[in-house]
């Protein structure tokens, strides 16, 4: 996966705009949490670009940019968890999962819906 780093709150406006043409995935990762590392590793091992073409994946380092996670909660109306994956379509969060509920097959299904 080619993650785009989420480092500025202004990027959330860009994500909302992007999501009108193609789905956006945001992965919120706590770099000191073994569950978060496991979830990220499982996702990256499973991710097949040919199955999820046109998806824009963003990565948020929660320890460095917790303020952005707070803003994500406000903008997309999803309570903060870590790790957490959100799918944004047409400016709205249409799916989110956390911890070991982050499942590639379910993500793939949601992205194709």
PDB file of N, CA and C in Angstrom:
ATOM      1  N   UNK A   1       0.841  -1.180   0.000  1.00  0.00           N
ATOM      2  CA  UNK A   1       0.000   0.000   0.000  1.00  0.00           C
ATOM      3  C   UNK A   1       0.882   1.239   0.000  1.00  0.00           C
ATOM      4  N   UNK A   2       0.452   2.206  -0.710  1.00  0.00           N
ATOM      5  CA  UNK A   2       1.155   3.483  -0.699  1.00  0.00           C
ATOM      6  C   UNK A   2       0.341   4.469   0.122  1.00  0.00           C
ATOM      7  N   UNK A   3       0.657   4.521   1.403  1.00  0.00           N
ATOM      8  CA  UNK A   3      -0.053   5.406   2.315  1.00  0.00           C
ATOM      9  C   UNK A   3       0.348   6.859   2.082  1.00  0.00           C
ATOM     10  N   UNK A   4      -0.624   7.741   2.153  1.00  0.00           N
ATOM     11  CA  UNK A   4      -0.342   9.171   2.201  1.00  0.00           C
ATOM     12  C   UNK A   4      -0.437   9.555   3.674  1.00  0.00           C
ATOM     13  N   UNK A   5       0.574  10.228   4.174  1.00  0.00           N
ATOM     14  CA  UNK A   5       0.572  10.603   5.579  1.00  0.00           C
ATOM     15  C   UNK A   5      -0.397  11.750   5.832  1.00  0.00           C
ATOM     16  N   UNK A   6      -1.146  11.605   6.880  1.00  0.00           N
ATOM     17  CA  UNK A   6      -2.085  12.627   7.312  1.00  0.00           C
ATOM     18  C   UNK A   6      -1.404  13.402   8.436  1.00  0.00           C
ATOM     19  N   UNK A   7      -1.012  14.652   8.123  1.00  0.00           N
ATOM     20  CA  UNK A   7      -0.221  15.441   9.065  1.00  0.00           C
ATOM     21  C   UNK A   7      -0.823  16.804   9.378  1.00  0.00           C
ATOM     22  N   UNK A   8      -1.848  17.200   8.632  1.00  0.00           N
ATOM     23  CA  UNK A   8      -2.426  18.528   8.813  1.00  0.00           C
ATOM     24  C   UNK A   8      -3.947  18.439   8.763  1.00  0.00           C
ATOM     25  N   UNK A   9      -4.587  19.199   9.634  1.00  0.00           N
ATOM     26  CA  UNK A   9      -6.050  19.186   9.671  1.00  0.00           C
ATOM     27  C   UNK A   9      -6.665  19.581   8.332  1.00  0.00           C
ATOM     28  N   UNK A  10      -5.990  20.450   7.594  1.00  0.00           N
ATOM     29  CA  UNK A  10      -6.512  20.899   6.307  1.00  0.00           C
ATOM     30  C   UNK A  10      -6.658  19.747   5.311  1.00  0.00           C
ATOM     31  N   UNK A  11      -5.890  18.694   5.515  1.00  0.00           N
ATOM     32  CA  UNK A  11      -5.993  17.536   4.619  1.00  0.00           C
ATOM     33  C   UNK A  11      -7.373  16.890   4.697  1.00  0.00           C
ATOM     34  N   UNK A  12      -8.093  17.098   5.782  1.00  0.00           N
ATOM     35  CA  UNK A  12      -9.423  16.500   5.904  1.00  0.00           C
ATOM     36  C   UNK A  12     -10.378  17.089   4.873  1.00  0.00           C
ATOM     37  N   UNK A  13     -10.224  18.381   4.553  1.00  0.00           N
ATOM     38  CA  UNK A  13     -11.030  18.979   3.484  1.00  0.00           C
ATOM     39  C   UNK A  13     -10.684  18.338   2.147  1.00  0.00           C
ATOM     40  N   UNK A  14      -9.414  18.099   1.923  1.00  0.00           N
ATOM     41  CA  UNK A  14      -8.957  17.434   0.704  1.00  0.00           C
ATOM     42  C   UNK A  14      -9.539  16.017   0.623  1.00  0.00           C
ATOM     43  N   UNK A  15      -9.544  15.320   1.731  1.00  0.00           N
ATOM     44  CA  UNK A  15     -10.103  13.961   1.774  1.00  0.00           C
ATOM     45  C   UNK A  15     -11.586  13.995   1.442  1.00  0.00           C
ATOM     46  N   UNK A  16     -12.314  14.942   2.009  1.00  0.00           N
ATOM     47  CA  UNK A  16     -13.753  15.053   1.699  1.00  0.00           C
ATOM     48  C   UNK A  16     -13.959  15.281   0.204  1.00  0.00           C
ATOM     49  N   UNK A  17     -13.143  16.160  -0.393  1.00  0.00           N
ATOM     50  CA  UNK A  17     -13.243  16.425  -1.823  1.00  0.00           C
ATOM     51  C   UNK A  17     -12.894  15.191  -2.646  1.00  0.00           C
ATOM     52  N   UNK A  18     -11.795  14.527  -2.299  1.00  0.00           N
ATOM     53  CA  UNK A  18     -11.386  13.311  -3.012  1.00  0.00           C
ATOM     54  C   UNK A  18     -12.459  12.245  -2.981  1.00  0.00           C
ATOM     55  N   UNK A  19     -13.128  12.129  -1.841  1.00  0.00           N
ATOM     56  CA  UNK A  19     -14.081  11.039  -1.643  1.00  0.00           C
ATOM     57  C   UNK A  19     -15.341  11.178  -2.488  1.00  0.00           C
ATOM     58  N   UNK A  20     -15.509  12.304  -3.156  1.00  0.00           N
ATOM     59  CA  UNK A  20     -16.664  12.432  -4.046  1.00  0.00           C
ATOM     60  C   UNK A  20     -16.427  11.680  -5.353  1.00  0.00           C
ATOM     61  N   UNK A  21     -15.157  11.404  -5.666  1.00  0.00           N
ATOM     62  CA  UNK A  21     -14.839  10.673  -6.882  1.00  0.00           C
ATOM     63  C   UNK A  21     -14.417   9.242  -6.645  1.00  0.00           C
ATOM     64  N   UNK A  22     -13.806   8.989  -5.510  1.00  0.00           N
ATOM     65  CA  UNK A  22     -13.331   7.644  -5.182  1.00  0.00           C
ATOM     66  C   UNK A  22     -13.251   7.507  -3.665  1.00  0.00           C
ATOM     67  N   UNK A  23     -13.415   6.302  -3.167  1.00  0.00           N
ATOM     68  CA  UNK A  23     -13.367   6.123  -1.719  1.00  0.00           C
ATOM     69  C   UNK A  23     -11.988   6.433  -1.147  1.00  0.00           C
ATOM     70  N   UNK A  24     -11.997   6.902   0.087  1.00  0.00           N
ATOM     71  CA  UNK A  24     -10.775   7.188   0.818  1.00  0.00           C
ATOM     72  C   UNK A  24     -10.774   6.310   2.068  1.00  0.00           C
ATOM     73  N   UNK A  25      -9.618   5.736   2.364  1.00  0.00           N
ATOM     74  CA  UNK A  25      -9.432   4.949   3.576  1.00  0.00           C
ATOM     75  C   UNK A  25      -8.498   5.720   4.498  1.00  0.00           C
ATOM     76  N   UNK A  26      -8.889   5.834   5.754  1.00  0.00           N
ATOM     77  CA  UNK A  26      -8.026   6.437   6.767  1.00  0.00           C
ATOM     78  C   UNK A  26      -7.726   5.356   7.802  1.00  0.00           C
ATOM     79  N   UNK A  27      -6.434   5.112   8.040  1.00  0.00           N
ATOM     80  CA  UNK A  27      -6.022   4.184   9.087  1.00  0.00           C
ATOM     81  C   UNK A  27      -5.362   4.984  10.194  1.00  0.00           C
ATOM     82  N   UNK A  28      -5.957   4.935  11.388  1.00  0.00           N
ATOM     83  CA  UNK A  28      -5.422   5.628  12.551  1.00  0.00           C
ATOM     84  C   UNK A  28      -4.612   4.618  13.360  1.00  0.00           C
ATOM     85  N   UNK A  29      -3.318   4.901  13.495  1.00  0.00           N
ATOM     86  CA  UNK A  29      -2.377   3.938  14.063  1.00  0.00           C
ATOM     87  C   UNK A  29      -1.637   4.506  15.270  1.00  0.00           C
ATOM     88  N   UNK A  30      -1.645   3.738  16.350  1.00  0.00           N
ATOM     89  CA  UNK A  30      -0.838   4.072  17.517  1.00  0.00           C
ATOM     90  C   UNK A  30       0.452   3.265  17.415  1.00  0.00           C
ATOM     91  N   UNK A  31       1.543   3.950  17.176  1.00  0.00           N
ATOM     92  CA  UNK A  31       2.813   3.281  16.893  1.00  0.00           C
ATOM     93  C   UNK A  31       3.396   2.525  18.083  1.00  0.00           C
ATOM     94  N   UNK A  32       2.861   2.734  19.285  1.00  0.00           N
ATOM     95  CA  UNK A  32       3.346   2.011  20.464  1.00  0.00           C
ATOM     96  C   UNK A  32       2.425   0.866  20.882  1.00  0.00           C
ATOM     97  N   UNK A  33       1.388   0.614  20.120  1.00  0.00           N
ATOM     98  CA  UNK A  33       0.391  -0.389  20.505  1.00  0.00           C
ATOM     99  C   UNK A  33       0.547  -1.651  19.655  1.00  0.00           C
ATOM    100  N   UNK A  34       0.707  -2.784  20.305  1.00  0.00           N
ATOM    101  CA  UNK A  34       0.898  -4.036  19.563  1.00  0.00           C
ATOM    102  C   UNK A  34      -0.363  -4.438  18.797  1.00  0.00           C
ATOM    103  N   UNK A  35      -1.534  -4.145  19.316  1.00  0.00           N
ATOM    104  CA  UNK A  35      -2.774  -4.460  18.594  1.00  0.00           C
ATOM    105  C   UNK A  35      -2.856  -3.628  17.329  1.00  0.00           C
ATOM    106  N   UNK A  36      -2.495  -2.366  17.426  1.00  0.00           N
ATOM    107  CA  UNK A  36      -2.504  -1.489  16.263  1.00  0.00           C
ATOM    108  C   UNK A  36      -1.509  -1.975  15.216  1.00  0.00           C
ATOM    109  N   UNK A  37      -0.325  -2.361  15.648  1.00  0.00           N
ATOM    110  CA  UNK A  37       0.682  -2.879  14.713  1.00  0.00           C
ATOM    111  C   UNK A  37       0.210  -4.159  14.038  1.00  0.00           C
ATOM    112  N   UNK A  38      -0.432  -5.026  14.799  1.00  0.00           N
ATOM    113  CA  UNK A  38      -0.955  -6.275  14.236  1.00  0.00           C
ATOM    114  C   UNK A  38      -2.042  -5.993  13.203  1.00  0.00           C
ATOM    115  N   UNK A  39      -2.964  -5.092  13.524  1.00  0.00           N
ATOM    116  CA  UNK A  39      -4.038  -4.754  12.593  1.00  0.00           C
ATOM    117  C   UNK A  39      -3.485  -4.156  11.304  1.00  0.00           C
ATOM    118  N   UNK A  40      -2.509  -3.258  11.429  1.00  0.00           N
ATOM    119  CA  UNK A  40      -1.889  -2.651  10.252  1.00  0.00           C
ATOM    120  C   UNK A  40      -1.169  -3.702   9.421  1.00  0.00           C
ATOM    121  N   UNK A  41      -0.426  -4.573  10.069  1.00  0.00           N
ATOM    122  CA  UNK A  41       0.306  -5.624   9.363  1.00  0.00           C
ATOM    123  C   UNK A  41      -0.644  -6.563   8.623  1.00  0.00           C
ATOM    124  N   UNK A  42      -1.726  -6.968   9.275  1.00  0.00           N
ATOM    125  CA  UNK A  42      -2.712  -7.852   8.617  1.00  0.00           C
ATOM    126  C   UNK A  42      -3.325  -7.174   7.398  1.00  0.00           C
ATOM    127  N   UNK A  43      -3.640  -5.900   7.531  1.00  0.00           N
ATOM    128  CA  UNK A  43      -4.226  -5.151   6.424  1.00  0.00           C
ATOM    129  C   UNK A  43      -3.243  -5.049   5.263  1.00  0.00           C
ATOM    130  N   UNK A  44      -2.020  -4.683   5.549  1.00  0.00           N
ATOM    131  CA  UNK A  44      -1.027  -4.518   4.487  1.00  0.00           C
ATOM    132  C   UNK A  44      -0.699  -5.845   3.799  1.00  0.00           C
ATOM    133  N   UNK A  45      -0.670  -6.944   4.533  1.00  0.00           N
ATOM    134  CA  UNK A  45      -0.407  -8.257   3.921  1.00  0.00           C
ATOM    135  C   UNK A  45      -1.560  -8.705   3.025  1.00  0.00           C
ATOM    136  N   UNK A  46      -2.783  -8.311   3.381  1.00  0.00           N
ATOM    137  CA  UNK A  46      -3.970  -8.734   2.636  1.00  0.00           C
ATOM    138  C   UNK A  46      -4.287  -7.835   1.445  1.00  0.00           C
ATOM    139  N   UNK A  47      -3.882  -6.586   1.515  1.00  0.00           N
ATOM    140  CA  UNK A  47      -4.263  -5.577   0.519  1.00  0.00           C
ATOM    141  C   UNK A  47      -3.774  -5.976  -0.865  1.00  0.00           C
ATOM    142  N   UNK A  48      -4.694  -6.073  -1.795  1.00  0.00           N
ATOM    143  CA  UNK A  48      -4.369  -6.395  -3.186  1.00  0.00           C
ATOM    144  C   UNK A  48      -4.865  -5.240  -4.052  1.00  0.00           C
ATOM    145  N   UNK A  49      -3.940  -4.456  -4.593  1.00  0.00           N
ATOM    146  CA  UNK A  49      -4.339  -3.271  -5.362  1.00  0.00           C
ATOM    147  C   UNK A  49      -5.327  -3.575  -6.481  1.00  0.00           C
ATOM    148  N   UNK A  50      -5.195  -4.729  -7.110  1.00  0.00           N
ATOM    149  CA  UNK A  50      -6.113  -5.053  -8.206  1.00  0.00           C
ATOM    150  C   UNK A  50      -7.541  -5.291  -7.711  1.00  0.00           C
ATOM    151  N   UNK A  51      -7.711  -5.579  -6.428  1.00  0.00           N
ATOM    152  CA  UNK A  51      -9.052  -5.784  -5.870  1.00  0.00           C
ATOM    153  C   UNK A  51      -9.682  -4.482  -5.397  1.00  0.00           C
ATOM    154  N   UNK A  52      -8.876  -3.496  -5.141  1.00  0.00           N
ATOM    155  CA  UNK A  52      -9.381  -2.237  -4.596  1.00  0.00           C
ATOM    156  C   UNK A  52      -8.794  -1.045  -5.346  1.00  0.00           C
ATOM    157  N   UNK A  53      -8.887  -1.076  -6.665  1.00  0.00           N
ATOM    158  CA  UNK A  53      -8.370   0.012  -7.500  1.00  0.00           C
ATOM    159  C   UNK A  53      -9.032   1.339  -7.166  1.00  0.00           C
ATOM    160  N   UNK A  54      -8.273   2.401  -7.317  1.00  0.00           N
ATOM    161  CA  UNK A  54      -8.826   3.740  -7.172  1.00  0.00           C
ATOM    162  C   UNK A  54      -9.031   4.194  -5.748  1.00  0.00           C
ATOM    163  N   UNK A  55      -8.558   3.449  -4.782  1.00  0.00           N
ATOM    164  CA  UNK A  55      -8.717   3.824  -3.387  1.00  0.00           C
ATOM    165  C   UNK A  55      -7.545   4.708  -2.967  1.00  0.00           C
ATOM    166  N   UNK A  56      -7.840   5.738  -2.229  1.00  0.00           N
ATOM    167  CA  UNK A  56      -6.797   6.620  -1.702  1.00  0.00           C
ATOM    168  C   UNK A  56      -6.612   6.311  -0.218  1.00  0.00           C
ATOM    169  N   UNK A  57      -5.497   5.669   0.170  1.00  0.00           N
ATOM    170  CA  UNK A  57      -5.278   5.350   1.580  1.00  0.00           C
ATOM    171  C   UNK A  57      -4.450   6.418   2.313  1.00  0.00           C
ATOM    172  N   UNK A  58      -4.947   6.832   3.468  1.00  0.00           N
ATOM    173  CA  UNK A  58      -4.256   7.786   4.320  1.00  0.00           C
ATOM    174  C   UNK A  58      -3.911   7.118   5.648  1.00  0.00           C
ATOM    175  N   UNK A  59      -2.767   7.489   6.193  1.00  0.00           N
ATOM    176  CA  UNK A  59      -2.233   6.924   7.424  1.00  0.00           C
ATOM    177  C   UNK A  59      -2.043   8.045   8.431  1.00  0.00           C
ATOM    178  N   UNK A  60      -2.584   7.857   9.636  1.00  0.00           N
ATOM    179  CA  UNK A  60      -2.429   8.852  10.689  1.00  0.00           C
ATOM    180  C   UNK A  60      -1.670   8.253  11.858  1.00  0.00           C
ATOM    181  N   UNK A  61      -0.529   8.839  12.190  1.00  0.00           N
ATOM    182  CA  UNK A  61       0.248   8.469  13.372  1.00  0.00           C
ATOM    183  C   UNK A  61      -0.387   9.199  14.553  1.00  0.00           C
ATOM    184  N   UNK A  62      -1.121   8.450  15.358  1.00  0.00           N
ATOM    185  CA  UNK A  62      -1.870   9.060  16.453  1.00  0.00           C
ATOM    186  C   UNK A  62      -0.997   9.719  17.513  1.00  0.00           C
ATOM    187  N   UNK A  63       0.173   9.173  17.746  1.00  0.00           N
ATOM    188  CA  UNK A  63       1.027   9.742  18.788  1.00  0.00           C
ATOM    189  C   UNK A  63       1.570  11.109  18.378  1.00  0.00           C
ATOM    190  N   UNK A  64       1.814  11.280  17.104  1.00  0.00           N
ATOM    191  CA  UNK A  64       2.343  12.558  16.617  1.00  0.00           C
ATOM    192  C   UNK A  64       1.254  13.571  16.296  1.00  0.00           C
ATOM    193  N   UNK A  65       0.058  13.084  15.927  1.00  0.00           N
ATOM    194  CA  UNK A  65      -0.978  13.981  15.422  1.00  0.00           C
ATOM    195  C   UNK A  65      -2.348  13.682  16.039  1.00  0.00           C
ATOM    196  N   UNK A  66      -2.398  13.616  17.352  1.00  0.00           N
ATOM    197  CA  UNK A  66      -3.668  13.324  18.032  1.00  0.00           C
ATOM    198  C   UNK A  66      -4.713  14.401  17.743  1.00  0.00           C
ATOM    199  N   UNK A  67      -4.280  15.639  17.545  1.00  0.00           N
ATOM    200  CA  UNK A  67      -5.217  16.719  17.221  1.00  0.00           C
ATOM    201  C   UNK A  67      -5.995  16.421  15.938  1.00  0.00           C
ATOM    202  N   UNK A  68      -5.352  15.759  14.994  1.00  0.00           N
ATOM    203  CA  UNK A  68      -6.038  15.420  13.737  1.00  0.00           C
ATOM    204  C   UNK A  68      -7.065  14.325  14.001  1.00  0.00           C
ATOM    205  N   UNK A  69      -6.739  13.384  14.861  1.00  0.00           N
ATOM    206  CA  UNK A  69      -7.712  12.350  15.216  1.00  0.00           C
ATOM    207  C   UNK A  69      -8.946  12.987  15.854  1.00  0.00           C
ATOM    208  N   UNK A  70      -8.736  13.963  16.710  1.00  0.00           N
ATOM    209  CA  UNK A  70      -9.867  14.670  17.319  1.00  0.00           C
ATOM    210  C   UNK A  70     -10.714  15.362  16.253  1.00  0.00           C
ATOM    211  N   UNK A  71     -10.054  15.940  15.275  1.00  0.00           N
ATOM    212  CA  UNK A  71     -10.764  16.627  14.190  1.00  0.00           C
ATOM    213  C   UNK A  71     -11.531  15.613  13.323  1.00  0.00           C
ATOM    214  N   UNK A  72     -10.937  14.435  13.087  1.00  0.00           N
ATOM    215  CA  UNK A  72     -11.624  13.375  12.338  1.00  0.00           C
ATOM    216  C   UNK A  72     -12.919  13.003  13.049  1.00  0.00           C
ATOM    217  N   UNK A  73     -12.847  12.910  14.370  1.00  0.00           N
ATOM    218  CA  UNK A  73     -14.032  12.585  15.169  1.00  0.00           C
ATOM    219  C   UNK A  73     -15.125  13.636  14.942  1.00  0.00           C
ATOM    220  N   UNK A  74     -14.752  14.909  14.933  1.00  0.00           N
ATOM    221  CA  UNK A  74     -15.712  15.989  14.721  1.00  0.00           C
ATOM    222  C   UNK A  74     -16.264  16.007  13.294  1.00  0.00           C
ATOM    223  N   UNK A  75     -15.368  15.908  12.325  1.00  0.00           N
ATOM    224  CA  UNK A  75     -15.761  16.041  10.922  1.00  0.00           C
ATOM    225  C   UNK A  75     -16.604  14.861  10.446  1.00  0.00           C
ATOM    226  N   UNK A  76     -16.185  13.639  10.818  1.00  0.00           N
ATOM    227  CA  UNK A  76     -16.850  12.452  10.290  1.00  0.00           C
ATOM    228  C   UNK A  76     -17.794  11.777  11.284  1.00  0.00           C
ATOM    229  N   UNK A  77     -17.917  12.356  12.474  1.00  0.00           N
ATOM    230  CA  UNK A  77     -18.879  11.891  13.485  1.00  0.00           C
ATOM    231  C   UNK A  77     -18.662  10.433  13.876  1.00  0.00           C
ATOM    232  N   UNK A  78     -17.402  10.069  14.070  1.00  0.00           N
ATOM    233  CA  UNK A  78     -17.033   8.713  14.476  1.00  0.00           C
ATOM    234  C   UNK A  78     -16.181   8.810  15.728  1.00  0.00           C
ATOM    235  N   UNK A  79     -16.601   8.168  16.797  1.00  0.00           N
ATOM    236  CA  UNK A  79     -15.870   8.192  18.056  1.00  0.00           C
ATOM    237  C   UNK A  79     -14.465   7.620  17.869  1.00  0.00           C
ATOM    238  N   UNK A  80     -13.485   8.278  18.434  1.00  0.00           N
ATOM    239  CA  UNK A  80     -12.088   7.865  18.314  1.00  0.00           C
ATOM    240  C   UNK A  80     -11.842   6.506  18.950  1.00  0.00           C
ATOM    241  N   UNK A  81     -11.126   5.659  18.220  1.00  0.00           N
ATOM    242  CA  UNK A  81     -10.587   4.411  18.745  1.00  0.00           C
ATOM    243  C   UNK A  81      -9.221   4.218  18.107  1.00  0.00           C
ATOM    244  N   UNK A  82      -8.470   3.274  18.644  1.00  0.00           N
ATOM    245  CA  UNK A  82      -7.144   3.014  18.109  1.00  0.00           C
ATOM    246  C   UNK A  82      -6.792   1.546  18.300  1.00  0.00           C
ATOM    247  N   UNK A  83      -6.414   0.893  17.226  1.00  0.00           N
ATOM    248  CA  UNK A  83      -6.389   1.374  15.846  1.00  0.00           C
ATOM    249  C   UNK A  83      -7.807   1.511  15.314  1.00  0.00           C
ATOM    250  N   UNK A  84      -7.923   2.242  14.232  1.00  0.00           N
ATOM    251  CA  UNK A  84      -9.235   2.455  13.632  1.00  0.00           C
ATOM    252  C   UNK A  84      -9.081   2.677  12.139  1.00  0.00           C
ATOM    253  N   UNK A  85     -10.024   2.124  11.382  1.00  0.00           N
ATOM    254  CA  UNK A  85     -10.052   2.315   9.939  1.00  0.00           C
ATOM    255  C   UNK A  85     -11.398   2.927   9.569  1.00  0.00           C
ATOM    256  N   UNK A  86     -11.356   3.961   8.749  1.00  0.00           N
ATOM    257  CA  UNK A  86     -12.574   4.610   8.276  1.00  0.00           C
ATOM    258  C   UNK A  86     -12.587   4.584   6.755  1.00  0.00           C
ATOM    259  N   UNK A  87     -13.768   4.409   6.185  1.00  0.00           N
ATOM    260  CA  UNK A  87     -13.960   4.545   4.738  1.00  0.00           C
ATOM    261  C   UNK A  87     -14.835   5.775   4.531  1.00  0.00           C
ATOM    262  N   UNK A  88     -14.331   6.688   3.715  1.00  0.00           N
ATOM    263  CA  UNK A  88     -15.024   7.944   3.432  1.00  0.00           C
ATOM    264  C   UNK A  88     -15.486   7.925   1.976  1.00  0.00           C
ATOM    265  N   UNK A  89     -16.784   8.143   1.790  1.00  0.00           N
ATOM    266  CA  UNK A  89     -17.362   8.279   0.444  1.00  0.00           C
ATOM    267  C   UNK A  89     -18.268   9.498   0.443  1.00  0.00           C
ATOM    268  N   UNK A  90     -18.151  10.295  -0.602  1.00  0.00           N
ATOM    269  CA  UNK A  90     -18.976  11.494  -0.746  1.00  0.00           C
ATOM    270  C   UNK A  90     -18.965  12.370   0.508  1.00  0.00           C
ATOM    271  N   UNK A  91     -17.792  12.484   1.116  1.00  0.00           N
ATOM    272  CA  UNK A  91     -17.621  13.363   2.253  1.00  0.00           C
ATOM    273  C   UNK A  91     -18.083  12.819   3.592  1.00  0.00           C
ATOM    274  N   UNK A  92     -18.571  11.580   3.613  1.00  0.00           N
ATOM    275  CA  UNK A  92     -19.091  10.997   4.850  1.00  0.00           C
ATOM    276  C   UNK A  92     -18.414   9.674   5.166  1.00  0.00           C
ATOM    277  N   UNK A  93     -18.325   9.380   6.448  1.00  0.00           N
ATOM    278  CA  UNK A  93     -17.817   8.074   6.859  1.00  0.00           C
ATOM    279  C   UNK A  93     -18.949   7.063   6.680  1.00  0.00           C
ATOM    280  N   UNK A  94     -18.735   6.101   5.798  1.00  0.00           N
ATOM    281  CA  UNK A  94     -19.762   5.094   5.516  1.00  0.00           C
ATOM    282  C   UNK A  94     -19.469   3.769   6.213  1.00  0.00           C
ATOM    283  N   UNK A  95     -18.269   3.648   6.781  1.00  0.00           N
ATOM    284  CA  UNK A  95     -17.880   2.418   7.469  1.00  0.00           C
ATOM    285  C   UNK A  95     -16.696   2.718   8.367  1.00  0.00           C
ATOM    286  N   UNK A  96     -16.684   2.093   9.536  1.00  0.00           N
ATOM    287  CA  UNK A  96     -15.507   2.179  10.392  1.00  0.00           C
ATOM    288  C   UNK A  96     -15.409   0.907  11.225  1.00  0.00           C
ATOM    289  N   UNK A  97     -14.178   0.565  11.543  1.00  0.00           N
ATOM    290  CA  UNK A  97     -13.896  -0.615  12.362  1.00  0.00           C
ATOM    291  C   UNK A  97     -12.682  -0.316  13.217  1.00  0.00           C
ATOM    292  N   UNK A  98     -12.568  -1.046  14.312  1.00  0.00           N
ATOM    293  CA  UNK A  98     -11.412  -0.833  15.174  1.00  0.00           C
ATOM    294  C   UNK A  98     -10.876  -2.158  15.690  1.00  0.00           C
ATOM    295  N   UNK A  99      -9.674  -2.084  16.210  1.00  0.00           N
ATOM    296  CA  UNK A  99      -8.974  -3.216  16.808  1.00  0.00           C
ATOM    297  C   UNK A  99      -8.977  -4.413  15.857  1.00  0.00           C
ATOM    298  N   UNK A 100      -9.294  -5.588  16.365  1.00  0.00           N
ATOM    299  CA  UNK A 100      -9.244  -6.779  15.518  1.00  0.00           C
ATOM    300  C   UNK A 100     -10.478  -6.902  14.607  1.00  0.00           C
ATOM    301  N   UNK A 101     -11.382  -5.942  14.696  1.00  0.00           N
ATOM    302  CA  UNK A 101     -12.515  -5.879  13.780  1.00  0.00           C
ATOM    303  C   UNK A 101     -12.130  -5.332  12.416  1.00  0.00           C
ATOM    304  N   UNK A 102     -10.894  -4.877  12.281  1.00  0.00           N
ATOM    305  CA  UNK A 102     -10.398  -4.381  10.987  1.00  0.00           C
ATOM    306  C   UNK A 102     -10.094  -5.612  10.142  1.00  0.00           C
ATOM    307  N   UNK A 103     -10.981  -5.883   9.194  1.00  0.00           N
ATOM    308  CA  UNK A 103     -10.942  -7.116   8.418  1.00  0.00           C
ATOM    309  C   UNK A 103     -10.928  -6.782   6.926  1.00  0.00           C
ATOM    310  N   UNK A 104      -9.924  -7.262   6.225  1.00  0.00           N
ATOM    311  CA  UNK A 104      -9.747  -6.929   4.816  1.00  0.00           C
ATOM    312  C   UNK A 104     -10.966  -7.309   3.965  1.00  0.00           C
ATOM    313  N   UNK A 105     -11.508  -8.488   4.174  1.00  0.00           N
ATOM    314  CA  UNK A 105     -12.649  -8.925   3.349  1.00  0.00           C
ATOM    315  C   UNK A 105     -13.841  -7.989   3.532  1.00  0.00           C
ATOM    316  N   UNK A 106     -14.086  -7.559   4.750  1.00  0.00           N
ATOM    317  CA  UNK A 106     -15.186  -6.625   5.001  1.00  0.00           C
ATOM    318  C   UNK A 106     -14.890  -5.249   4.394  1.00  0.00           C
ATOM    319  N   UNK A 107     -13.652  -4.824   4.500  1.00  0.00           N
ATOM    320  CA  UNK A 107     -13.257  -3.554   3.891  1.00  0.00           C
ATOM    321  C   UNK A 107     -13.461  -3.594   2.386  1.00  0.00           C
ATOM    322  N   UNK A 108     -13.014  -4.687   1.770  1.00  0.00           N
ATOM    323  CA  UNK A 108     -13.149  -4.849   0.323  1.00  0.00           C
ATOM    324  C   UNK A 108     -14.627  -4.808  -0.078  1.00  0.00           C
ATOM    325  N   UNK A 109     -15.468  -5.466   0.699  1.00  0.00           N
ATOM    326  CA  UNK A 109     -16.904  -5.472   0.428  1.00  0.00           C
ATOM    327  C   UNK A 109     -17.473  -4.055   0.524  1.00  0.00           C
ATOM    328  N   UNK A 110     -17.074  -3.340   1.552  1.00  0.00           N
ATOM    329  CA  UNK A 110     -17.565  -1.962   1.740  1.00  0.00           C
ATOM    330  C   UNK A 110     -17.078  -1.021   0.638  1.00  0.00           C
ATOM    331  N   UNK A 111     -15.853  -1.231   0.182  1.00  0.00           N
ATOM    332  CA  UNK A 111     -15.311  -0.368  -0.864  1.00  0.00           C
ATOM    333  C   UNK A 111     -16.000  -0.597  -2.205  1.00  0.00           C
ATOM    334  N   UNK A 112     -16.490  -1.787  -2.430  1.00  0.00           N
ATOM    335  CA  UNK A 112     -17.145  -2.082  -3.707  1.00  0.00           C
ATOM    336  C   UNK A 112     -18.642  -1.797  -3.667  1.00  0.00           C
ATOM    337  N   UNK A 113     -19.162  -1.445  -2.497  1.00  0.00           N
ATOM    338  CA  UNK A 113     -20.613  -1.177  -2.369  1.00  0.00           C
ATOM    339  C   UNK A 113     -20.978   0.158  -2.986  1.00  0.00           C
TER     340      UNK A 113
END
